[in-house]
């Protein structure tokens, strides 16, 4: 999702000059698919984080990309 937001920011002209404009530039018309994928990714990372009691858990994540 960060990548999609970065692409939107880079293409946005003129650049936002305040928080309200930045929110509009990044969030308006952001496809729901990106949001859904980010939520699923967060859930997948949250479980190992909780199991590790907040400690290092990246090694336990599946490194395959879809």
PDB file of N, CA and C in Angstrom:
ATOM      1  N   UNK A   1       0.817  -1.179   0.000  1.00  0.00           N
ATOM      2  CA  UNK A   1       0.000   0.000   0.000  1.00  0.00           C
ATOM      3  C   UNK A   1       0.866   1.250   0.000  1.00  0.00           C
ATOM      4  N   UNK A   2       1.987   1.193   0.734  1.00  0.00           N
ATOM      5  CA  UNK A   2       2.880   2.356   0.753  1.00  0.00           C
ATOM      6  C   UNK A   2       3.399   2.648  -0.644  1.00  0.00           C
ATOM      7  N   UNK A   3       3.681   1.600  -1.394  1.00  0.00           N
ATOM      8  CA  UNK A   3       4.163   1.787  -2.754  1.00  0.00           C
ATOM      9  C   UNK A   3       3.129   2.475  -3.631  1.00  0.00           C
ATOM     10  N   UNK A   4       1.883   2.068  -3.500  1.00  0.00           N
ATOM     11  CA  UNK A   4       0.807   2.691  -4.281  1.00  0.00           C
ATOM     12  C   UNK A   4       0.641   4.150  -3.888  1.00  0.00           C
ATOM     13  N   UNK A   5       0.747   4.432  -2.604  1.00  0.00           N
ATOM     14  CA  UNK A   5       0.606   5.813  -2.142  1.00  0.00           C
ATOM     15  C   UNK A   5       1.783   6.662  -2.615  1.00  0.00           C
ATOM     16  N   UNK A   6       2.978   6.098  -2.624  1.00  0.00           N
ATOM     17  CA  UNK A   6       4.150   6.826  -3.104  1.00  0.00           C
ATOM     18  C   UNK A   6       4.011   7.160  -4.589  1.00  0.00           C
ATOM     19  N   UNK A   7       3.539   6.197  -5.372  1.00  0.00           N
ATOM     20  CA  UNK A   7       3.322   6.450  -6.793  1.00  0.00           C
ATOM     21  C   UNK A   7       2.304   7.572  -6.999  1.00  0.00           C
ATOM     22  N   UNK A   8       1.244   7.556  -6.217  1.00  0.00           N
ATOM     23  CA  UNK A   8       0.218   8.601  -6.331  1.00  0.00           C
ATOM     24  C   UNK A   8       0.827   9.964  -5.982  1.00  0.00           C
ATOM     25  N   UNK A   9       1.634   9.999  -4.944  1.00  0.00           N
ATOM     26  CA  UNK A   9       2.256  11.261  -4.537  1.00  0.00           C
ATOM     27  C   UNK A   9       3.191  11.786  -5.628  1.00  0.00           C
ATOM     28  N   UNK A  10       3.991  10.896  -6.190  1.00  0.00           N
ATOM     29  CA  UNK A  10       4.954  11.317  -7.206  1.00  0.00           C
ATOM     30  C   UNK A  10       4.268  11.871  -8.452  1.00  0.00           C
ATOM     31  N   UNK A  11       3.092  11.351  -8.774  1.00  0.00           N
ATOM     32  CA  UNK A  11       2.367  11.802  -9.959  1.00  0.00           C
ATOM     33  C   UNK A  11       1.512  13.039  -9.683  1.00  0.00           C
ATOM     34  N   UNK A  12       1.245  13.337  -8.431  1.00  0.00           N
ATOM     35  CA  UNK A  12       0.334  14.416  -8.063  1.00  0.00           C
ATOM     36  C   UNK A  12       0.964  15.772  -8.329  1.00  0.00           C
ATOM     37  N   UNK A  13       0.261  16.612  -9.090  1.00  0.00           N
ATOM     38  CA  UNK A  13       0.757  17.943  -9.411  1.00  0.00           C
ATOM     39  C   UNK A  13      -0.391  18.929  -9.287  1.00  0.00           C
ATOM     40  N   UNK A  14      -0.201  20.034  -8.622  1.00  0.00           N
ATOM     41  CA  UNK A  14       0.965  20.424  -7.826  1.00  0.00           C
ATOM     42  C   UNK A  14       1.023  19.621  -6.530  1.00  0.00           C
ATOM     43  N   UNK A  15       2.193  19.579  -5.925  1.00  0.00           N
ATOM     44  CA  UNK A  15       2.370  18.823  -4.683  1.00  0.00           C
ATOM     45  C   UNK A  15       1.518  19.429  -3.573  1.00  0.00           C
ATOM     46  N   UNK A  16       1.004  18.569  -2.690  1.00  0.00           N
ATOM     47  CA  UNK A  16       0.215  19.058  -1.562  1.00  0.00           C
ATOM     48  C   UNK A  16       1.033  20.004  -0.683  1.00  0.00           C
ATOM     49  N   UNK A  17       0.368  21.015  -0.128  1.00  0.00           N
ATOM     50  CA  UNK A  17       1.075  21.973   0.725  1.00  0.00           C
ATOM     51  C   UNK A  17       0.624  21.898   2.178  1.00  0.00           C
ATOM     52  N   UNK A  18      -0.357  21.037   2.473  1.00  0.00           N
ATOM     53  CA  UNK A  18      -0.791  20.863   3.854  1.00  0.00           C
ATOM     54  C   UNK A  18      -1.333  19.443   4.032  1.00  0.00           C
ATOM     55  N   UNK A  19      -1.661  19.102   5.257  1.00  0.00           N
ATOM     56  CA  UNK A  19      -2.108  17.737   5.575  1.00  0.00           C
ATOM     57  C   UNK A  19      -3.400  17.387   4.837  1.00  0.00           C
ATOM     58  N   UNK A  20      -4.341  18.307   4.792  1.00  0.00           N
ATOM     59  CA  UNK A  20      -5.619  18.028   4.120  1.00  0.00           C
ATOM     60  C   UNK A  20      -5.395  17.702   2.642  1.00  0.00           C
ATOM     61  N   UNK A  21      -4.544  18.466   1.978  1.00  0.00           N
ATOM     62  CA  UNK A  21      -4.255  18.206   0.572  1.00  0.00           C
ATOM     63  C   UNK A  21      -3.507  16.884   0.394  1.00  0.00           C
ATOM     64  N   UNK A  22      -2.615  16.585   1.323  1.00  0.00           N
ATOM     65  CA  UNK A  22      -1.884  15.319   1.256  1.00  0.00           C
ATOM     66  C   UNK A  22      -2.837  14.136   1.389  1.00  0.00           C
ATOM     67  N   UNK A  23      -3.761  14.208   2.327  1.00  0.00           N
ATOM     68  CA  UNK A  23      -4.754  13.135   2.494  1.00  0.00           C
ATOM     69  C   UNK A  23      -5.569  12.967   1.222  1.00  0.00           C
ATOM     70  N   UNK A  24      -5.974  14.067   0.629  1.00  0.00           N
ATOM     71  CA  UNK A  24      -6.745  14.003  -0.610  1.00  0.00           C
ATOM     72  C   UNK A  24      -5.928  13.353  -1.720  1.00  0.00           C
ATOM     73  N   UNK A  25      -4.679  13.754  -1.849  1.00  0.00           N
ATOM     74  CA  UNK A  25      -3.814  13.225  -2.904  1.00  0.00           C
ATOM     75  C   UNK A  25      -3.578  11.730  -2.751  1.00  0.00           C
ATOM     76  N   UNK A  26      -3.423  11.258  -1.524  1.00  0.00           N
ATOM     77  CA  UNK A  26      -3.069   9.858  -1.297  1.00  0.00           C
ATOM     78  C   UNK A  26      -4.267   8.933  -1.179  1.00  0.00           C
ATOM     79  N   UNK A  27      -5.364   9.393  -0.635  1.00  0.00           N
ATOM     80  CA  UNK A  27      -6.477   8.510  -0.310  1.00  0.00           C
ATOM     81  C   UNK A  27      -7.646   8.548  -1.270  1.00  0.00           C
ATOM     82  N   UNK A  28      -7.907   9.696  -1.904  1.00  0.00           N
ATOM     83  CA  UNK A  28      -9.057   9.759  -2.809  1.00  0.00           C
ATOM     84  C   UNK A  28      -8.892   8.763  -3.938  1.00  0.00           C
ATOM     85  N   UNK A  29      -9.902   7.971  -4.149  1.00  0.00           N
ATOM     86  CA  UNK A  29      -9.935   6.990  -5.233  1.00  0.00           C
ATOM     87  C   UNK A  29      -8.874   5.909  -5.114  1.00  0.00           C
ATOM     88  N   UNK A  30      -8.339   5.683  -3.922  1.00  0.00           N
ATOM     89  CA  UNK A  30      -7.404   4.571  -3.728  1.00  0.00           C
ATOM     90  C   UNK A  30      -8.213   3.281  -3.846  1.00  0.00           C
ATOM     91  N   UNK A  31      -7.825   2.394  -4.740  1.00  0.00           N
ATOM     92  CA  UNK A  31      -8.621   1.174  -4.942  1.00  0.00           C
ATOM     93  C   UNK A  31      -8.763   0.364  -3.649  1.00  0.00           C
ATOM     94  N   UNK A  32      -9.955  -0.114  -3.406  1.00  0.00           N
ATOM     95  CA  UNK A  32     -10.234  -0.907  -2.210  1.00  0.00           C
ATOM     96  C   UNK A  32      -9.340  -2.141  -2.170  1.00  0.00           C
ATOM     97  N   UNK A  33      -8.961  -2.658  -3.327  1.00  0.00           N
ATOM     98  CA  UNK A  33      -8.096  -3.834  -3.401  1.00  0.00           C
ATOM     99  C   UNK A  33      -6.780  -3.609  -2.659  1.00  0.00           C
ATOM    100  N   UNK A  34      -6.175  -2.434  -2.806  1.00  0.00           N
ATOM    101  CA  UNK A  34      -4.930  -2.125  -2.093  1.00  0.00           C
ATOM    102  C   UNK A  34      -5.157  -2.127  -0.586  1.00  0.00           C
ATOM    103  N   UNK A  35      -6.256  -1.555  -0.160  1.00  0.00           N
ATOM    104  CA  UNK A  35      -6.572  -1.491   1.268  1.00  0.00           C
ATOM    105  C   UNK A  35      -6.795  -2.894   1.818  1.00  0.00           C
ATOM    106  N   UNK A  36      -7.559  -3.709   1.090  1.00  0.00           N
ATOM    107  CA  UNK A  36      -7.831  -5.084   1.532  1.00  0.00           C
ATOM    108  C   UNK A  36      -6.548  -5.899   1.646  1.00  0.00           C
ATOM    109  N   UNK A  37      -5.657  -5.769   0.658  1.00  0.00           N
ATOM    110  CA  UNK A  37      -4.395  -6.515   0.697  1.00  0.00           C
ATOM    111  C   UNK A  37      -3.522  -6.068   1.870  1.00  0.00           C
ATOM    112  N   UNK A  38      -3.518  -4.778   2.165  1.00  0.00           N
ATOM    113  CA  UNK A  38      -2.732  -4.269   3.282  1.00  0.00           C
ATOM    114  C   UNK A  38      -3.252  -4.820   4.602  1.00  0.00           C
ATOM    115  N   UNK A  39      -4.567  -4.887   4.743  1.00  0.00           N
ATOM    116  CA  UNK A  39      -5.164  -5.421   5.973  1.00  0.00           C
ATOM    117  C   UNK A  39      -4.808  -6.892   6.137  1.00  0.00           C
ATOM    118  N   UNK A  40      -4.914  -7.669   5.072  1.00  0.00           N
ATOM    119  CA  UNK A  40      -4.566  -9.089   5.154  1.00  0.00           C
ATOM    120  C   UNK A  40      -3.094  -9.281   5.490  1.00  0.00           C
ATOM    121  N   UNK A  41      -2.237  -8.479   4.899  1.00  0.00           N
ATOM    122  CA  UNK A  41      -0.808  -8.556   5.176  1.00  0.00           C
ATOM    123  C   UNK A  41      -0.524  -8.228   6.636  1.00  0.00           C
ATOM    124  N   UNK A  42      -1.196  -7.211   7.147  1.00  0.00           N
ATOM    125  CA  UNK A  42      -1.008  -6.823   8.536  1.00  0.00           C
ATOM    126  C   UNK A  42      -1.409  -7.960   9.472  1.00  0.00           C
ATOM    127  N   UNK A  43      -2.532  -8.591   9.185  1.00  0.00           N
ATOM    128  CA  UNK A  43      -2.982  -9.709  10.026  1.00  0.00           C
ATOM    129  C   UNK A  43      -1.973 -10.849  10.020  1.00  0.00           C
ATOM    130  N   UNK A  44      -1.414 -11.145   8.844  1.00  0.00           N
ATOM    131  CA  UNK A  44      -0.431 -12.230   8.744  1.00  0.00           C
ATOM    132  C   UNK A  44       0.815 -11.920   9.560  1.00  0.00           C
ATOM    133  N   UNK A  45       1.203 -10.645   9.623  1.00  0.00           N
ATOM    134  CA  UNK A  45       2.394 -10.255  10.384  1.00  0.00           C
ATOM    135  C   UNK A  45       2.089 -10.121  11.875  1.00  0.00           C
ATOM    136  N   UNK A  46       0.862  -9.786  12.204  1.00  0.00           N
ATOM    137  CA  UNK A  46       0.501  -9.569  13.597  1.00  0.00           C
ATOM    138  C   UNK A  46       0.558 -10.863  14.415  1.00  0.00           C
ATOM    139  N   UNK A  47       0.103 -11.954  13.848  1.00  0.00           N
ATOM    140  CA  UNK A  47       0.091 -13.228  14.590  1.00  0.00           C
ATOM    141  C   UNK A  47       1.497 -13.639  15.049  1.00  0.00           C
ATOM    142  N   UNK A  48       2.491 -13.667  14.152  1.00  0.00           N
ATOM    143  CA  UNK A  48       3.846 -14.009  14.611  1.00  0.00           C
ATOM    144  C   UNK A  48       4.405 -12.994  15.614  1.00  0.00           C
ATOM    145  N   UNK A  49       4.040 -11.739  15.465  1.00  0.00           N
ATOM    146  CA  UNK A  49       4.495 -10.708  16.401  1.00  0.00           C
ATOM    147  C   UNK A  49       3.953 -10.991  17.801  1.00  0.00           C
ATOM    148  N   UNK A  50       2.677 -11.338  17.882  1.00  0.00           N
ATOM    149  CA  UNK A  50       2.072 -11.657  19.180  1.00  0.00           C
ATOM    150  C   UNK A  50       2.704 -12.926  19.758  1.00  0.00           C
ATOM    151  N   UNK A  51       2.908 -13.918  18.903  1.00  0.00           N
ATOM    152  CA  UNK A  51       3.524 -15.169  19.361  1.00  0.00           C
ATOM    153  C   UNK A  51       4.934 -14.939  19.886  1.00  0.00           C
ATOM    154  N   UNK A  52       5.640 -13.967  19.317  1.00  0.00           N
ATOM    155  CA  UNK A  52       7.005 -13.653  19.746  1.00  0.00           C
ATOM    156  C   UNK A  52       7.007 -12.620  20.867  1.00  0.00           C
ATOM    157  N   UNK A  53       5.842 -12.321  21.400  1.00  0.00           N
ATOM    158  CA  UNK A  53       5.699 -11.330  22.477  1.00  0.00           C
ATOM    159  C   UNK A  53       6.321  -9.993  22.082  1.00  0.00           C
ATOM    160  N   UNK A  54       6.146  -9.643  20.811  1.00  0.00           N
ATOM    161  CA  UNK A  54       6.665  -8.364  20.336  1.00  0.00           C
ATOM    162  C   UNK A  54       8.130  -8.386  19.952  1.00  0.00           C
ATOM    163  N   UNK A  55       8.767  -9.533  20.107  1.00  0.00           N
ATOM    164  CA  UNK A  55      10.181  -9.644  19.768  1.00  0.00           C
ATOM    165  C   UNK A  55      10.389  -9.855  18.273  1.00  0.00           C
ATOM    166  N   UNK A  56      11.584 -10.263  17.920  1.00  0.00           N
ATOM    167  CA  UNK A  56      11.942 -10.487  16.522  1.00  0.00           C
ATOM    168  C   UNK A  56      11.122 -11.646  15.965  1.00  0.00           C
ATOM    169  N   UNK A  57      10.453 -11.418  14.847  1.00  0.00           N
ATOM    170  CA  UNK A  57       9.616 -12.470  14.274  1.00  0.00           C
ATOM    171  C   UNK A  57       9.731 -12.577  12.756  1.00  0.00           C
ATOM    172  N   UNK A  58      10.465 -11.675  12.115  1.00  0.00           N
ATOM    173  CA  UNK A  58      10.531 -11.673  10.662  1.00  0.00           C
ATOM    174  C   UNK A  58      11.030 -13.001  10.088  1.00  0.00           C
ATOM    175  N   UNK A  59      11.905 -13.663  10.817  1.00  0.00           N
ATOM    176  CA  UNK A  59      12.434 -14.937  10.344  1.00  0.00           C
ATOM    177  C   UNK A  59      11.345 -15.995  10.212  1.00  0.00           C
ATOM    178  N   UNK A  60      10.239 -15.837  10.919  1.00  0.00           N
ATOM    179  CA  UNK A  60       9.170 -16.828  10.887  1.00  0.00           C
ATOM    180  C   UNK A  60       8.139 -16.541   9.807  1.00  0.00           C
ATOM    181  N   UNK A  61       8.277 -15.423   9.095  1.00  0.00           N
ATOM    182  CA  UNK A  61       7.330 -15.100   8.040  1.00  0.00           C
ATOM    183  C   UNK A  61       7.666 -15.850   6.769  1.00  0.00           C
ATOM    184  N   UNK A  62       6.644 -16.147   5.996  1.00  0.00           N
ATOM    185  CA  UNK A  62       6.832 -16.781   4.698  1.00  0.00           C
ATOM    186  C   UNK A  62       7.456 -15.750   3.770  1.00  0.00           C
ATOM    187  N   UNK A  63       8.575 -16.062   3.155  1.00  0.00           N
ATOM    188  CA  UNK A  63       9.287 -15.089   2.319  1.00  0.00           C
ATOM    189  C   UNK A  63       8.810 -15.120   0.871  1.00  0.00           C
ATOM    190  N   UNK A  64       7.903 -16.047   0.516  1.00  0.00           N
ATOM    191  CA  UNK A  64       7.396 -16.100  -0.846  1.00  0.00           C
ATOM    192  C   UNK A  64       6.468 -14.935  -1.086  1.00  0.00           C
ATOM    193  N   UNK A  65       6.569 -14.353  -2.276  1.00  0.00           N
ATOM    194  CA  UNK A  65       5.686 -13.251  -2.683  1.00  0.00           C
ATOM    195  C   UNK A  65       4.646 -13.790  -3.644  1.00  0.00           C
ATOM    196  N   UNK A  66       3.443 -13.253  -3.522  1.00  0.00           N
ATOM    197  CA  UNK A  66       2.365 -13.669  -4.425  1.00  0.00           C
ATOM    198  C   UNK A  66       2.515 -13.021  -5.774  1.00  0.00           C
TER     199      UNK A  66
END
